[in-house]
């Protein structure tokens, strides 16, 4: 996980996970609509996952 992705996930979480698949983008986007903090946390968790 690069520092650029971390900054992007803080500014706009759905853009940070754009290469992780459609499901990840939708989940992060919906959480981001519910609140900024849940979207950022979800994006950081997805970016920190070593399997993807």
N, C-alpha and C. Protein backbone atom coordinates (compact mmCIF):
# COMPACT_ATOMS: atom_id res chain seq x y z
N UNK A 1 0.85 -1.16 0.00
CA UNK A 1 0.00 0.00 0.00
C UNK A 1 0.90 1.23 0.00
N UNK A 2 0.75 2.04 -1.03
CA UNK A 2 1.60 3.21 -1.15
C UNK A 2 0.97 4.41 -0.45
N UNK A 3 1.78 5.41 -0.20
CA UNK A 3 1.31 6.62 0.48
C UNK A 3 0.31 7.37 -0.39
N UNK A 4 0.46 7.26 -1.70
CA UNK A 4 -0.49 7.91 -2.61
C UNK A 4 -1.88 7.30 -2.49
N UNK A 5 -1.93 5.98 -2.37
CA UNK A 5 -3.23 5.31 -2.21
C UNK A 5 -3.87 5.68 -0.87
N UNK A 6 -3.07 5.82 0.16
CA UNK A 6 -3.61 6.19 1.48
C UNK A 6 -4.21 7.60 1.41
N UNK A 7 -3.50 8.51 0.80
CA UNK A 7 -4.00 9.88 0.66
C UNK A 7 -5.26 9.90 -0.19
N UNK A 8 -5.27 9.14 -1.28
CA UNK A 8 -6.44 9.07 -2.14
C UNK A 8 -7.63 8.45 -1.41
N UNK A 9 -7.37 7.47 -0.55
CA UNK A 9 -8.47 6.87 0.19
C UNK A 9 -9.03 7.82 1.24
N UNK A 10 -8.24 8.76 1.71
CA UNK A 10 -8.74 9.76 2.65
C UNK A 10 -9.55 10.82 1.91
N UNK A 11 -9.11 11.21 0.73
CA UNK A 11 -9.80 12.24 -0.03
C UNK A 11 -11.06 11.70 -0.70
N UNK A 12 -10.93 10.60 -1.43
CA UNK A 12 -12.05 10.01 -2.16
C UNK A 12 -11.88 8.49 -2.18
N UNK A 13 -12.45 7.80 -1.19
CA UNK A 13 -12.24 6.36 -1.05
C UNK A 13 -12.57 5.51 -2.27
N UNK A 14 -13.66 5.76 -3.02
CA UNK A 14 -13.93 4.89 -4.18
C UNK A 14 -12.84 4.94 -5.25
N UNK A 15 -12.18 6.06 -5.40
CA UNK A 15 -11.10 6.14 -6.39
C UNK A 15 -9.87 5.36 -5.97
N UNK A 16 -9.68 5.18 -4.68
CA UNK A 16 -8.51 4.45 -4.20
C UNK A 16 -8.61 2.96 -4.48
N UNK A 17 -9.83 2.43 -4.58
CA UNK A 17 -10.00 0.99 -4.78
C UNK A 17 -10.48 0.67 -6.20
N UNK A 18 -10.25 1.57 -7.13
CA UNK A 18 -10.79 1.42 -8.49
C UNK A 18 -10.25 0.18 -9.20
N UNK A 19 -9.06 -0.27 -8.88
CA UNK A 19 -8.50 -1.45 -9.55
C UNK A 19 -8.74 -2.75 -8.79
N UNK A 20 -9.52 -2.71 -7.73
CA UNK A 20 -9.78 -3.90 -6.91
C UNK A 20 -11.05 -4.63 -7.33
N UNK A 21 -11.78 -4.13 -8.30
CA UNK A 21 -12.98 -4.81 -8.77
C UNK A 21 -14.23 -4.01 -8.51
N UNK A 22 -15.27 -4.36 -9.23
CA UNK A 22 -16.53 -3.64 -9.16
C UNK A 22 -17.19 -3.76 -7.79
N UNK A 23 -17.12 -4.93 -7.19
CA UNK A 23 -17.74 -5.13 -5.88
C UNK A 23 -17.13 -4.25 -4.81
N UNK A 24 -15.83 -4.13 -4.84
CA UNK A 24 -15.14 -3.29 -3.85
C UNK A 24 -15.51 -1.83 -4.04
N UNK A 25 -15.60 -1.40 -5.27
CA UNK A 25 -15.95 -0.01 -5.55
C UNK A 25 -17.36 0.29 -5.04
N UNK A 26 -18.29 -0.62 -5.30
CA UNK A 26 -19.68 -0.40 -4.88
C UNK A 26 -19.79 -0.38 -3.36
N UNK A 27 -19.13 -1.31 -2.69
CA UNK A 27 -19.18 -1.36 -1.23
C UNK A 27 -18.60 -0.08 -0.62
N UNK A 28 -17.44 0.33 -1.10
CA UNK A 28 -16.81 1.53 -0.57
C UNK A 28 -17.65 2.76 -0.88
N UNK A 29 -18.24 2.82 -2.08
CA UNK A 29 -19.06 3.96 -2.45
C UNK A 29 -20.29 4.07 -1.56
N UNK A 30 -20.95 2.93 -1.31
CA UNK A 30 -22.14 2.96 -0.45
C UNK A 30 -21.79 3.35 0.99
N UNK A 31 -20.69 2.83 1.48
CA UNK A 31 -20.26 3.22 2.83
C UNK A 31 -19.85 4.68 2.88
N UNK A 32 -19.27 5.17 1.79
CA UNK A 32 -18.86 6.57 1.71
C UNK A 32 -20.09 7.48 1.71
N UNK A 33 -21.18 7.03 1.08
CA UNK A 33 -22.42 7.81 1.09
C UNK A 33 -23.03 7.85 2.49
N UNK A 34 -22.87 6.76 3.24
CA UNK A 34 -23.38 6.73 4.61
C UNK A 34 -22.58 7.64 5.54
N UNK A 35 -21.35 7.81 5.25
CA UNK A 35 -20.49 8.66 6.07
C UNK A 35 -19.07 8.57 5.58
N UNK A 36 -18.32 9.62 5.80
CA UNK A 36 -16.96 9.67 5.30
C UNK A 36 -16.06 8.65 5.99
N UNK A 37 -16.20 8.52 7.29
CA UNK A 37 -15.33 7.63 8.07
C UNK A 37 -15.51 6.16 7.68
N UNK A 38 -16.74 5.64 7.55
CA UNK A 38 -16.86 4.24 7.13
C UNK A 38 -16.27 3.97 5.75
N UNK A 39 -16.41 4.92 4.85
CA UNK A 39 -15.83 4.75 3.52
C UNK A 39 -14.31 4.71 3.55
N UNK A 40 -13.71 5.56 4.35
CA UNK A 40 -12.25 5.58 4.47
C UNK A 40 -11.75 4.29 5.12
N UNK A 41 -12.43 3.84 6.15
CA UNK A 41 -12.01 2.60 6.82
C UNK A 41 -12.12 1.42 5.87
N UNK A 42 -13.22 1.33 5.14
CA UNK A 42 -13.39 0.22 4.19
C UNK A 42 -12.33 0.26 3.11
N UNK A 43 -12.02 1.43 2.59
CA UNK A 43 -10.99 1.55 1.56
C UNK A 43 -9.63 1.13 2.08
N UNK A 44 -9.30 1.53 3.29
CA UNK A 44 -8.01 1.15 3.86
C UNK A 44 -7.94 -0.35 4.13
N UNK A 45 -9.04 -0.94 4.57
CA UNK A 45 -9.05 -2.39 4.79
C UNK A 45 -8.88 -3.13 3.47
N UNK A 46 -9.57 -2.70 2.44
CA UNK A 46 -9.44 -3.36 1.13
C UNK A 46 -8.05 -3.18 0.56
N UNK A 47 -7.47 -2.00 0.71
CA UNK A 47 -6.11 -1.77 0.22
C UNK A 47 -5.07 -2.56 1.01
N UNK A 48 -5.35 -2.82 2.27
CA UNK A 48 -4.40 -3.53 3.11
C UNK A 48 -4.49 -5.05 2.97
N UNK A 49 -5.49 -5.54 2.25
CA UNK A 49 -5.68 -6.98 2.06
C UNK A 49 -4.59 -7.51 1.11
N UNK A 50 -3.76 -8.44 1.58
CA UNK A 50 -2.65 -8.92 0.72
C UNK A 50 -3.09 -9.87 -0.40
N UNK A 51 -4.31 -10.41 -0.34
CA UNK A 51 -4.75 -11.37 -1.35
C UNK A 51 -5.15 -10.72 -2.66
N UNK A 52 -5.50 -9.43 -2.65
CA UNK A 52 -5.94 -8.80 -3.90
C UNK A 52 -4.89 -7.93 -4.50
